[in-house]
N, C-alpha and C. Protein backbone atom coordinates (compact mmCIF):
# COMPACT_ATOMS: atom_id res chain seq x y z
N UNK A 1 116.01 80.05 102.83
CA UNK A 1 114.70 79.54 102.50
C UNK A 1 114.14 80.43 101.39
N UNK A 2 113.78 79.86 100.28
CA UNK A 2 113.25 80.65 99.17
C UNK A 2 111.73 80.69 99.21
N UNK A 3 111.11 81.69 98.58
CA UNK A 3 109.66 81.83 98.64
C UNK A 3 108.91 80.60 98.13
N UNK A 4 109.49 79.86 97.20
CA UNK A 4 108.81 78.67 96.68
C UNK A 4 108.61 77.64 97.79
N UNK A 5 109.54 77.59 98.75
CA UNK A 5 109.42 76.61 99.83
C UNK A 5 108.62 77.14 101.01
N UNK A 6 108.26 78.40 100.98
CA UNK A 6 107.56 78.99 102.11
C UNK A 6 106.20 78.34 102.37
N UNK A 7 105.50 77.98 101.34
CA UNK A 7 104.14 77.50 101.53
C UNK A 7 104.08 76.25 102.38
N UNK A 8 105.03 75.37 102.26
CA UNK A 8 105.00 74.15 103.06
C UNK A 8 105.81 74.31 104.34
N UNK A 9 107.09 74.56 104.17
CA UNK A 9 108.02 74.59 105.30
C UNK A 9 107.75 75.73 106.27
N UNK A 10 107.66 76.95 105.75
CA UNK A 10 107.55 78.10 106.62
C UNK A 10 106.22 78.18 107.33
N UNK A 11 105.16 77.78 106.66
CA UNK A 11 103.86 77.87 107.31
C UNK A 11 103.76 76.87 108.44
N UNK A 12 104.45 75.74 108.31
CA UNK A 12 104.37 74.74 109.37
C UNK A 12 105.12 75.18 110.62
N UNK A 13 106.25 75.90 110.47
CA UNK A 13 106.97 76.33 111.67
C UNK A 13 106.62 77.77 112.07
N UNK A 14 105.83 78.45 111.24
CA UNK A 14 105.34 79.78 111.59
C UNK A 14 106.34 80.90 111.42
N UNK A 15 107.48 80.67 110.79
CA UNK A 15 108.48 81.72 110.67
C UNK A 15 108.14 82.73 109.58
N UNK A 16 107.23 82.40 108.68
CA UNK A 16 106.82 83.34 107.64
C UNK A 16 105.30 83.40 107.62
N UNK A 17 104.79 84.59 107.64
CA UNK A 17 103.36 84.84 107.68
C UNK A 17 102.69 84.48 106.35
N UNK A 18 101.52 83.84 106.38
CA UNK A 18 100.79 83.50 105.15
C UNK A 18 100.46 84.73 104.31
N UNK A 19 100.22 85.88 104.95
CA UNK A 19 99.93 87.10 104.19
C UNK A 19 101.15 87.52 103.39
N UNK A 20 102.33 87.40 104.00
CA UNK A 20 103.57 87.72 103.30
C UNK A 20 103.77 86.77 102.13
N UNK A 21 103.45 85.51 102.32
CA UNK A 21 103.57 84.53 101.24
C UNK A 21 102.65 84.92 100.09
N UNK A 22 101.42 85.31 100.41
CA UNK A 22 100.48 85.73 99.37
C UNK A 22 100.98 86.97 98.65
N UNK A 23 101.54 87.92 99.40
CA UNK A 23 102.08 89.13 98.80
C UNK A 23 103.18 88.80 97.80
N UNK A 24 104.12 87.95 98.22
CA UNK A 24 105.22 87.56 97.34
C UNK A 24 104.69 86.81 96.12
N UNK A 25 103.72 85.92 96.31
CA UNK A 25 103.16 85.17 95.19
C UNK A 25 102.51 86.11 94.19
N UNK A 26 101.73 87.08 94.68
CA UNK A 26 101.08 88.04 93.78
C UNK A 26 102.13 88.87 93.06
N UNK A 27 103.13 89.33 93.79
CA UNK A 27 104.17 90.15 93.18
C UNK A 27 104.94 89.39 92.11
N UNK A 28 105.19 88.10 92.35
CA UNK A 28 105.97 87.32 91.40
C UNK A 28 105.14 86.78 90.24
N UNK A 29 103.83 86.66 90.42
CA UNK A 29 103.01 86.10 89.36
C UNK A 29 102.78 87.10 88.24
N UNK A 30 103.15 88.32 88.47
CA UNK A 30 103.11 89.29 87.39
C UNK A 30 101.94 90.23 87.46
N UNK A 31 102.20 91.41 87.08
CA UNK A 31 101.21 92.47 87.01
C UNK A 31 100.81 92.59 85.55
N UNK A 32 99.53 92.45 85.23
CA UNK A 32 99.11 92.53 83.84
C UNK A 32 99.53 93.83 83.16
N UNK A 33 99.65 94.90 83.92
CA UNK A 33 100.04 96.16 83.32
C UNK A 33 101.52 96.18 82.92
N UNK A 34 102.31 95.19 83.38
CA UNK A 34 103.73 95.12 83.02
C UNK A 34 103.91 95.02 81.51
N UNK A 35 102.99 94.34 80.84
CA UNK A 35 103.12 94.15 79.40
C UNK A 35 103.05 95.47 78.66
N UNK A 36 102.32 96.44 79.21
CA UNK A 36 102.17 97.71 78.54
C UNK A 36 103.30 98.69 78.86
N UNK A 37 104.14 98.36 79.84
CA UNK A 37 105.24 99.25 80.20
C UNK A 37 106.37 99.12 79.19
N UNK A 38 107.03 100.25 78.91
CA UNK A 38 108.16 100.20 78.01
C UNK A 38 109.41 99.81 78.78
N UNK A 39 110.33 99.21 78.08
CA UNK A 39 111.59 98.81 78.71
C UNK A 39 112.40 100.06 79.05
N UNK A 40 113.10 100.01 80.17
CA UNK A 40 113.94 101.10 80.62
C UNK A 40 115.37 100.80 80.23
N UNK A 41 116.05 101.80 79.66
CA UNK A 41 117.45 101.61 79.32
C UNK A 41 118.30 101.80 80.57
N UNK A 42 119.37 101.02 80.65
CA UNK A 42 120.26 101.08 81.81
C UNK A 42 121.67 100.72 81.34
N UNK A 43 122.69 101.30 81.99
CA UNK A 43 124.06 100.96 81.66
C UNK A 43 124.40 99.60 82.28
N UNK A 44 125.46 98.98 81.83
CA UNK A 44 125.88 97.70 82.41
C UNK A 44 126.22 97.88 83.88
N UNK A 45 126.87 99.01 84.21
CA UNK A 45 127.23 99.27 85.60
C UNK A 45 125.98 99.38 86.48
N UNK A 46 124.96 100.06 85.97
CA UNK A 46 123.71 100.18 86.71
C UNK A 46 123.03 98.84 86.89
N UNK A 47 123.04 98.03 85.84
CA UNK A 47 122.45 96.69 85.91
C UNK A 47 123.19 95.85 86.94
N UNK A 48 124.52 95.93 86.93
CA UNK A 48 125.32 95.16 87.89
C UNK A 48 125.05 95.60 89.33
N UNK A 49 124.89 96.91 89.55
CA UNK A 49 124.59 97.42 90.90
C UNK A 49 123.25 96.90 91.39
N UNK A 50 122.23 96.96 90.53
CA UNK A 50 120.90 96.49 90.92
C UNK A 50 120.90 94.98 91.16
N UNK A 51 121.61 94.24 90.31
CA UNK A 51 121.70 92.78 90.48
C UNK A 51 122.40 92.42 91.78
N UNK A 52 123.46 93.16 92.12
CA UNK A 52 124.18 92.90 93.37
C UNK A 52 123.29 93.20 94.58
N UNK A 53 122.52 94.27 94.50
CA UNK A 53 121.60 94.59 95.60
C UNK A 53 120.56 93.49 95.76
N UNK A 54 120.03 92.99 94.64
CA UNK A 54 119.03 91.92 94.68
C UNK A 54 119.62 90.66 95.31
N UNK A 55 120.83 90.28 94.89
CA UNK A 55 121.49 89.10 95.47
C UNK A 55 121.68 89.26 96.98
N UNK A 56 122.11 90.43 97.40
CA UNK A 56 122.32 90.71 98.83
C UNK A 56 121.01 90.55 99.61
N UNK A 57 119.93 91.11 99.07
CA UNK A 57 118.64 91.03 99.76
C UNK A 57 118.13 89.60 99.85
N UNK A 58 118.35 88.81 98.80
CA UNK A 58 117.85 87.44 98.78
C UNK A 58 118.74 86.50 99.59
N UNK A 59 120.04 86.59 99.38
CA UNK A 59 120.96 85.61 99.97
C UNK A 59 121.40 85.93 101.39
N UNK A 60 121.41 87.20 101.75
CA UNK A 60 121.91 87.58 103.08
C UNK A 60 120.78 88.13 103.96
N UNK A 61 120.11 89.15 103.46
CA UNK A 61 119.11 89.84 104.28
C UNK A 61 117.89 88.98 104.56
N UNK A 62 117.37 88.27 103.55
CA UNK A 62 116.16 87.45 103.75
C UNK A 62 116.36 86.40 104.84
N UNK A 63 117.43 85.58 104.79
CA UNK A 63 117.62 84.59 105.86
C UNK A 63 117.79 85.24 107.24
N UNK A 64 118.47 86.38 107.29
CA UNK A 64 118.64 87.07 108.58
C UNK A 64 117.30 87.54 109.13
N UNK A 65 116.44 88.01 108.26
CA UNK A 65 115.12 88.48 108.70
C UNK A 65 114.22 87.33 109.13
N UNK A 66 114.30 86.21 108.44
CA UNK A 66 113.53 85.03 108.84
C UNK A 66 113.97 84.60 110.24
N UNK A 67 115.28 84.62 110.48
CA UNK A 67 115.81 84.27 111.80
C UNK A 67 115.36 85.29 112.86
N UNK A 68 115.34 86.57 112.50
CA UNK A 68 114.92 87.60 113.45
C UNK A 68 113.44 87.44 113.81
N UNK A 69 112.61 87.09 112.83
CA UNK A 69 111.19 86.86 113.10
C UNK A 69 111.03 85.66 114.03
N UNK A 70 111.75 84.59 113.74
CA UNK A 70 111.67 83.38 114.57
C UNK A 70 112.14 83.68 116.00
N UNK A 71 113.21 84.43 116.13
CA UNK A 71 113.73 84.80 117.45
C UNK A 71 112.71 85.63 118.22
N UNK A 72 112.14 86.62 117.56
CA UNK A 72 111.16 87.48 118.22
C UNK A 72 109.89 86.70 118.58
N UNK A 73 109.51 85.76 117.74
CA UNK A 73 108.32 84.93 117.99
C UNK A 73 108.54 84.08 119.24
N UNK A 74 109.76 83.67 119.47
CA UNK A 74 110.05 82.80 120.61
C UNK A 74 109.93 83.53 121.96
N UNK A 75 109.78 84.84 121.92
CA UNK A 75 109.69 85.62 123.16
C UNK A 75 108.29 85.63 123.75
N UNK A 76 107.37 84.91 123.15
CA UNK A 76 106.05 84.78 123.77
C UNK A 76 104.95 85.52 123.06
N UNK A 77 104.09 86.14 123.85
CA UNK A 77 102.87 86.79 123.39
C UNK A 77 103.14 87.75 122.23
N UNK A 78 102.55 87.44 121.07
CA UNK A 78 102.79 88.25 119.88
C UNK A 78 101.97 89.54 119.86
N UNK A 79 100.94 89.63 120.69
CA UNK A 79 100.10 90.82 120.70
C UNK A 79 100.84 92.05 121.22
N UNK A 80 101.79 91.85 122.10
CA UNK A 80 102.53 92.97 122.68
C UNK A 80 104.03 92.77 122.49
N UNK A 81 104.41 92.28 121.34
CA UNK A 81 105.80 91.96 121.06
C UNK A 81 106.32 92.93 119.99
N UNK A 82 106.90 94.04 120.44
CA UNK A 82 107.39 95.07 119.52
C UNK A 82 108.51 94.55 118.64
N UNK A 83 109.36 93.69 119.18
CA UNK A 83 110.46 93.13 118.38
C UNK A 83 109.91 92.29 117.23
N UNK A 84 108.86 91.53 117.49
CA UNK A 84 108.23 90.71 116.45
C UNK A 84 107.62 91.61 115.37
N UNK A 85 106.89 92.64 115.80
CA UNK A 85 106.28 93.56 114.84
C UNK A 85 107.34 94.24 113.97
N UNK A 86 108.43 94.67 114.59
CA UNK A 86 109.51 95.34 113.85
C UNK A 86 110.17 94.37 112.87
N UNK A 87 110.42 93.15 113.31
CA UNK A 87 111.04 92.15 112.43
C UNK A 87 110.14 91.83 111.25
N UNK A 88 108.84 91.71 111.50
CA UNK A 88 107.88 91.44 110.42
C UNK A 88 107.83 92.60 109.43
N UNK A 89 107.88 93.83 109.96
CA UNK A 89 107.85 95.00 109.10
C UNK A 89 109.12 95.05 108.24
N UNK A 90 110.27 94.78 108.84
CA UNK A 90 111.53 94.73 108.08
C UNK A 90 111.47 93.66 107.01
N UNK A 91 110.89 92.51 107.35
CA UNK A 91 110.78 91.41 106.40
C UNK A 91 109.89 91.81 105.22
N UNK A 92 108.78 92.46 105.50
CA UNK A 92 107.88 92.90 104.43
C UNK A 92 108.54 93.94 103.53
N UNK A 93 109.28 94.88 104.12
CA UNK A 93 109.98 95.89 103.32
C UNK A 93 111.05 95.25 102.45
N UNK A 94 111.74 94.25 102.98
CA UNK A 94 112.76 93.54 102.21
C UNK A 94 112.11 92.83 101.02
N UNK A 95 111.00 92.15 101.25
CA UNK A 95 110.31 91.43 100.17
C UNK A 95 109.78 92.40 99.12
N UNK A 96 109.32 93.55 99.57
CA UNK A 96 108.83 94.57 98.64
C UNK A 96 109.97 95.06 97.74
N UNK A 97 111.14 95.31 98.33
CA UNK A 97 112.29 95.77 97.54
C UNK A 97 112.76 94.68 96.59
N UNK A 98 112.74 93.42 97.03
CA UNK A 98 113.11 92.31 96.14
C UNK A 98 112.18 92.28 94.94
N UNK A 99 110.89 92.38 95.17
CA UNK A 99 109.92 92.38 94.07
C UNK A 99 110.14 93.56 93.14
N UNK A 100 110.42 94.71 93.72
CA UNK A 100 110.67 95.91 92.93
C UNK A 100 111.89 95.73 92.04
N UNK A 101 112.98 95.22 92.61
CA UNK A 101 114.21 95.00 91.84
C UNK A 101 114.01 93.95 90.76
N UNK A 102 113.32 92.86 91.09
CA UNK A 102 113.06 91.83 90.09
C UNK A 102 112.25 92.39 88.93
N UNK A 103 111.26 93.19 89.24
CA UNK A 103 110.44 93.81 88.20
C UNK A 103 111.28 94.74 87.34
N UNK A 104 112.10 95.56 87.97
CA UNK A 104 112.98 96.47 87.22
C UNK A 104 113.90 95.71 86.29
N UNK A 105 114.55 94.68 86.83
CA UNK A 105 115.55 93.94 86.06
C UNK A 105 114.94 93.13 84.92
N UNK A 106 113.66 92.76 85.05
CA UNK A 106 112.99 92.04 83.97
C UNK A 106 112.59 92.98 82.84
N UNK A 107 112.59 94.26 83.12
CA UNK A 107 112.06 95.23 82.17
C UNK A 107 113.12 96.25 81.75
N UNK A 108 114.38 95.80 81.58
CA UNK A 108 115.45 96.72 81.18
C UNK A 108 116.13 96.25 79.90
N UNK A 109 116.71 97.21 79.24
CA UNK A 109 117.58 96.95 78.10
C UNK A 109 118.94 97.49 78.50
N UNK A 110 119.96 96.63 78.52
CA UNK A 110 121.30 97.06 78.88
C UNK A 110 121.93 97.70 77.65
N UNK A 111 122.34 98.96 77.79
CA UNK A 111 122.94 99.71 76.70
C UNK A 111 124.44 99.52 76.75
N UNK A 112 125.03 99.18 75.60
CA UNK A 112 126.47 98.98 75.52
C UNK A 112 127.17 100.34 75.52
N UNK A 113 127.84 100.65 76.60
CA UNK A 113 128.57 101.92 76.70
C UNK A 113 130.08 101.69 76.63
N UNK A 114 130.49 100.46 76.34
CA UNK A 114 131.92 100.14 76.34
C UNK A 114 132.64 100.72 75.13
N UNK A 115 131.94 100.85 74.01
CA UNK A 115 132.58 101.38 72.80
C UNK A 115 132.81 102.88 72.96
N UNK A 116 133.92 103.34 72.42
CA UNK A 116 134.24 104.76 72.44
C UNK A 116 133.15 105.51 71.67
N UNK A 117 132.74 106.63 72.19
CA UNK A 117 131.70 107.43 71.55
C UNK A 117 132.35 108.28 70.46
N UNK A 118 132.70 107.65 69.33
CA UNK A 118 133.39 108.32 68.23
C UNK A 118 132.48 109.33 67.53
N UNK A 119 131.19 109.12 67.59
CA UNK A 119 130.26 110.03 66.91
C UNK A 119 130.12 111.35 67.64
N UNK A 120 130.41 111.36 68.94
CA UNK A 120 130.27 112.58 69.73
C UNK A 120 128.83 112.92 70.05
N UNK A 121 127.92 112.00 69.76
CA UNK A 121 126.51 112.22 70.04
C UNK A 121 126.20 111.76 71.46
N UNK A 122 125.49 112.58 72.20
CA UNK A 122 125.15 112.24 73.59
C UNK A 122 124.15 111.10 73.59
N UNK A 123 124.46 110.08 74.40
CA UNK A 123 123.59 108.91 74.56
C UNK A 123 123.78 108.40 75.99
N UNK A 124 123.03 107.38 76.36
CA UNK A 124 123.20 106.81 77.70
C UNK A 124 124.65 106.35 77.86
N UNK A 125 125.24 106.71 78.97
CA UNK A 125 126.62 106.38 79.26
C UNK A 125 127.58 107.52 78.93
N UNK A 126 127.12 108.52 78.19
CA UNK A 126 127.99 109.66 77.83
C UNK A 126 128.24 110.54 79.05
N UNK A 127 129.47 111.03 79.14
CA UNK A 127 129.81 112.05 80.13
C UNK A 127 129.78 113.37 79.37
N UNK A 128 129.00 114.31 79.88
CA UNK A 128 128.73 115.55 79.17
C UNK A 128 129.14 116.73 80.04
N UNK A 129 129.94 117.63 79.48
CA UNK A 129 130.30 118.86 80.17
C UNK A 129 129.41 119.96 79.61
N UNK A 130 128.73 120.66 80.51
CA UNK A 130 127.78 121.70 80.09
C UNK A 130 128.01 122.99 80.86
N UNK A 131 127.46 124.08 80.31
CA UNK A 131 127.48 125.38 80.97
C UNK A 131 126.05 125.90 80.96
N UNK A 132 125.53 126.21 82.14
CA UNK A 132 124.16 126.71 82.27
C UNK A 132 124.08 128.22 82.10
N UNK A 133 125.15 128.83 81.58
CA UNK A 133 125.13 130.27 81.33
C UNK A 133 125.83 131.08 82.41
N UNK A 134 126.36 130.39 83.41
CA UNK A 134 127.06 131.10 84.49
C UNK A 134 128.57 131.04 84.33
N UNK A 135 129.03 130.46 83.22
CA UNK A 135 130.46 130.37 82.96
C UNK A 135 131.16 129.22 83.66
N UNK A 136 130.44 128.45 84.46
CA UNK A 136 131.04 127.32 85.16
C UNK A 136 130.68 126.01 84.46
N UNK A 137 131.69 125.22 84.16
CA UNK A 137 131.46 123.93 83.51
C UNK A 137 131.07 122.89 84.56
N UNK A 138 130.05 122.12 84.24
CA UNK A 138 129.61 121.03 85.12
C UNK A 138 129.55 119.76 84.29
N UNK A 139 129.96 118.63 84.89
CA UNK A 139 129.95 117.36 84.16
C UNK A 139 128.84 116.46 84.69
N UNK A 140 128.10 115.87 83.77
CA UNK A 140 127.01 114.95 84.09
C UNK A 140 127.22 113.67 83.30
N UNK A 141 126.70 112.59 83.83
CA UNK A 141 126.66 111.32 83.11
C UNK A 141 125.20 111.02 82.83
N UNK A 142 124.88 110.73 81.57
CA UNK A 142 123.51 110.40 81.20
C UNK A 142 123.31 108.91 81.43
N UNK A 143 122.33 108.56 82.26
CA UNK A 143 122.07 107.17 82.62
C UNK A 143 120.58 106.87 82.47
N UNK A 144 120.22 105.59 82.61
CA UNK A 144 118.82 105.19 82.60
C UNK A 144 118.11 105.68 83.85
N UNK A 145 116.79 105.78 83.76
CA UNK A 145 115.99 106.35 84.85
C UNK A 145 116.18 105.62 86.18
N UNK A 146 116.31 104.29 86.16
CA UNK A 146 116.39 103.57 87.42
C UNK A 146 117.75 103.65 88.10
N UNK A 147 118.74 104.20 87.40
CA UNK A 147 120.06 104.33 88.02
C UNK A 147 120.45 105.79 88.24
N UNK A 148 119.53 106.72 87.99
CA UNK A 148 119.82 108.14 88.16
C UNK A 148 120.13 108.46 89.62
N UNK A 149 121.09 109.34 89.80
CA UNK A 149 121.47 109.80 91.13
C UNK A 149 121.95 111.25 90.97
N UNK A 150 121.02 112.21 91.00
CA UNK A 150 121.39 113.61 90.77
C UNK A 150 122.50 114.12 91.68
N UNK A 151 122.56 113.65 92.92
CA UNK A 151 123.60 114.10 93.85
C UNK A 151 124.99 113.71 93.38
N UNK A 152 125.08 112.69 92.51
CA UNK A 152 126.36 112.25 91.96
C UNK A 152 126.49 112.68 90.49
N UNK A 153 125.64 113.64 90.08
CA UNK A 153 125.62 114.14 88.70
C UNK A 153 125.34 113.05 87.67
N UNK A 154 124.56 112.05 88.06
CA UNK A 154 124.10 111.01 87.14
C UNK A 154 122.64 111.31 86.85
N UNK A 155 122.37 111.84 85.64
CA UNK A 155 121.01 112.28 85.32
C UNK A 155 120.32 111.29 84.40
N UNK A 156 119.03 111.18 84.60
CA UNK A 156 118.20 110.25 83.84
C UNK A 156 118.00 110.75 82.41
N UNK A 157 117.99 109.81 81.49
CA UNK A 157 117.68 110.14 80.10
C UNK A 157 116.22 110.55 79.94
N UNK A 158 115.41 110.31 80.98
CA UNK A 158 114.00 110.66 80.94
C UNK A 158 113.71 111.98 81.67
N UNK A 159 114.73 112.57 82.29
CA UNK A 159 114.55 113.86 82.97
C UNK A 159 114.49 114.96 81.92
N UNK A 160 113.97 116.13 82.28
CA UNK A 160 113.93 117.22 81.29
C UNK A 160 115.31 117.55 80.71
N UNK A 161 116.33 117.64 81.57
CA UNK A 161 117.68 117.92 81.07
C UNK A 161 118.20 116.76 80.24
N UNK A 162 117.99 115.54 80.70
CA UNK A 162 118.44 114.36 79.96
C UNK A 162 117.82 114.27 78.58
N UNK A 163 116.52 114.53 78.50
CA UNK A 163 115.84 114.52 77.19
C UNK A 163 116.40 115.60 76.27
N UNK A 164 116.70 116.77 76.84
CA UNK A 164 117.23 117.88 76.03
C UNK A 164 118.63 117.57 75.51
N UNK A 165 119.45 116.90 76.31
CA UNK A 165 120.83 116.60 75.91
C UNK A 165 120.92 115.41 74.97
N UNK A 166 120.06 114.42 75.14
CA UNK A 166 120.13 113.18 74.37
C UNK A 166 120.10 113.47 72.86
N UNK A 167 121.10 112.96 72.15
CA UNK A 167 121.17 113.13 70.70
C UNK A 167 121.90 114.38 70.24
N UNK A 168 122.31 115.24 71.15
CA UNK A 168 123.03 116.48 70.81
C UNK A 168 124.53 116.21 70.76
N UNK A 169 125.28 117.22 70.28
CA UNK A 169 126.74 117.15 70.18
C UNK A 169 127.37 118.35 70.90
N UNK A 170 128.69 118.25 71.12
CA UNK A 170 129.43 119.37 71.70
C UNK A 170 129.29 120.57 70.76
N UNK A 171 129.15 121.75 71.36
CA UNK A 171 128.99 122.98 70.58
C UNK A 171 127.53 123.37 70.37
N UNK A 172 126.62 122.44 70.61
CA UNK A 172 125.20 122.74 70.44
C UNK A 172 124.62 123.24 71.76
N UNK A 173 123.45 123.84 71.64
CA UNK A 173 122.69 124.28 72.81
C UNK A 173 121.46 123.42 72.93
N UNK A 174 120.94 123.35 74.13
CA UNK A 174 119.70 122.61 74.36
C UNK A 174 118.84 123.42 75.31
N UNK A 175 117.54 123.35 75.11
CA UNK A 175 116.57 124.01 75.98
C UNK A 175 115.80 122.95 76.74
N UNK A 176 115.51 123.25 78.01
CA UNK A 176 114.70 122.33 78.80
C UNK A 176 113.93 123.13 79.84
N UNK A 177 112.91 122.52 80.41
CA UNK A 177 112.12 123.18 81.45
C UNK A 177 112.57 122.66 82.81
N UNK A 178 112.89 123.60 83.69
CA UNK A 178 113.26 123.28 85.07
C UNK A 178 112.22 123.93 85.98
N UNK A 179 112.26 123.67 87.28
CA UNK A 179 111.30 124.33 88.18
C UNK A 179 111.35 125.86 88.08
N UNK A 180 112.49 126.40 87.65
CA UNK A 180 112.63 127.85 87.51
C UNK A 180 112.17 128.37 86.17
N UNK A 181 111.69 127.49 85.30
CA UNK A 181 111.23 127.90 83.97
C UNK A 181 112.12 127.34 82.87
N UNK A 182 111.94 127.90 81.68
CA UNK A 182 112.71 127.44 80.52
C UNK A 182 114.16 127.86 80.68
N UNK A 183 115.07 126.93 80.39
CA UNK A 183 116.49 127.18 80.62
C UNK A 183 117.30 126.65 79.45
N UNK A 184 118.38 127.36 79.12
CA UNK A 184 119.27 126.94 78.05
C UNK A 184 120.56 126.41 78.65
N UNK A 185 121.11 125.39 78.00
CA UNK A 185 122.39 124.83 78.43
C UNK A 185 123.27 124.69 77.19
N UNK A 186 124.54 125.06 77.33
CA UNK A 186 125.52 124.95 76.24
C UNK A 186 126.33 123.68 76.47
N UNK A 187 126.43 122.84 75.45
CA UNK A 187 127.17 121.59 75.57
C UNK A 187 128.63 121.86 75.19
N UNK A 188 129.53 121.68 76.13
CA UNK A 188 130.95 121.98 75.93
C UNK A 188 131.74 120.78 75.44
N UNK A 189 131.46 119.59 75.98
CA UNK A 189 132.22 118.39 75.60
C UNK A 189 131.38 117.15 75.83
N UNK A 190 131.67 116.12 75.03
CA UNK A 190 130.99 114.82 75.15
C UNK A 190 132.06 113.74 75.12
N UNK A 191 132.05 112.86 76.11
CA UNK A 191 132.96 111.70 76.12
C UNK A 191 132.15 110.45 76.33
């Protein structure tokens, strides 16, 4: 069941709350401040991951949550129905994430990282080997802000380190501010 059909079908059988419908309608009708936001750069892989998550939430999770709400509703008194409250909360969180992903995906520029980086200049999609002055080489991938995952060494182009590295070449140094203060990093290799 898609949100467009919720107003007629879902309200008549009670499986979707009118407040949730209003929330989705407001979220989808657009935020006026969206026009003033700049587009976020993202790799094709990042775009594909976000698109796959969105499809999963819409095609699999949403119908399962509608069924869970209907099942919990069938158990009687809604005032003391913890299963119903939990299902409704899960449904609202799912719709919020769908809106968030749709907003992100409408406001991205997919950067072509398929071409070999012959220039050696660090850009989104570059794998960069750096030394923070301790003699140990660490490799990072520069990615768009919405696909950053520091635990996997995928750093945002909008982070202090990402901004410092962007546009540099192997052999150069870059300075950036970290929680520990101003820090220098030596760029060892760019792929």
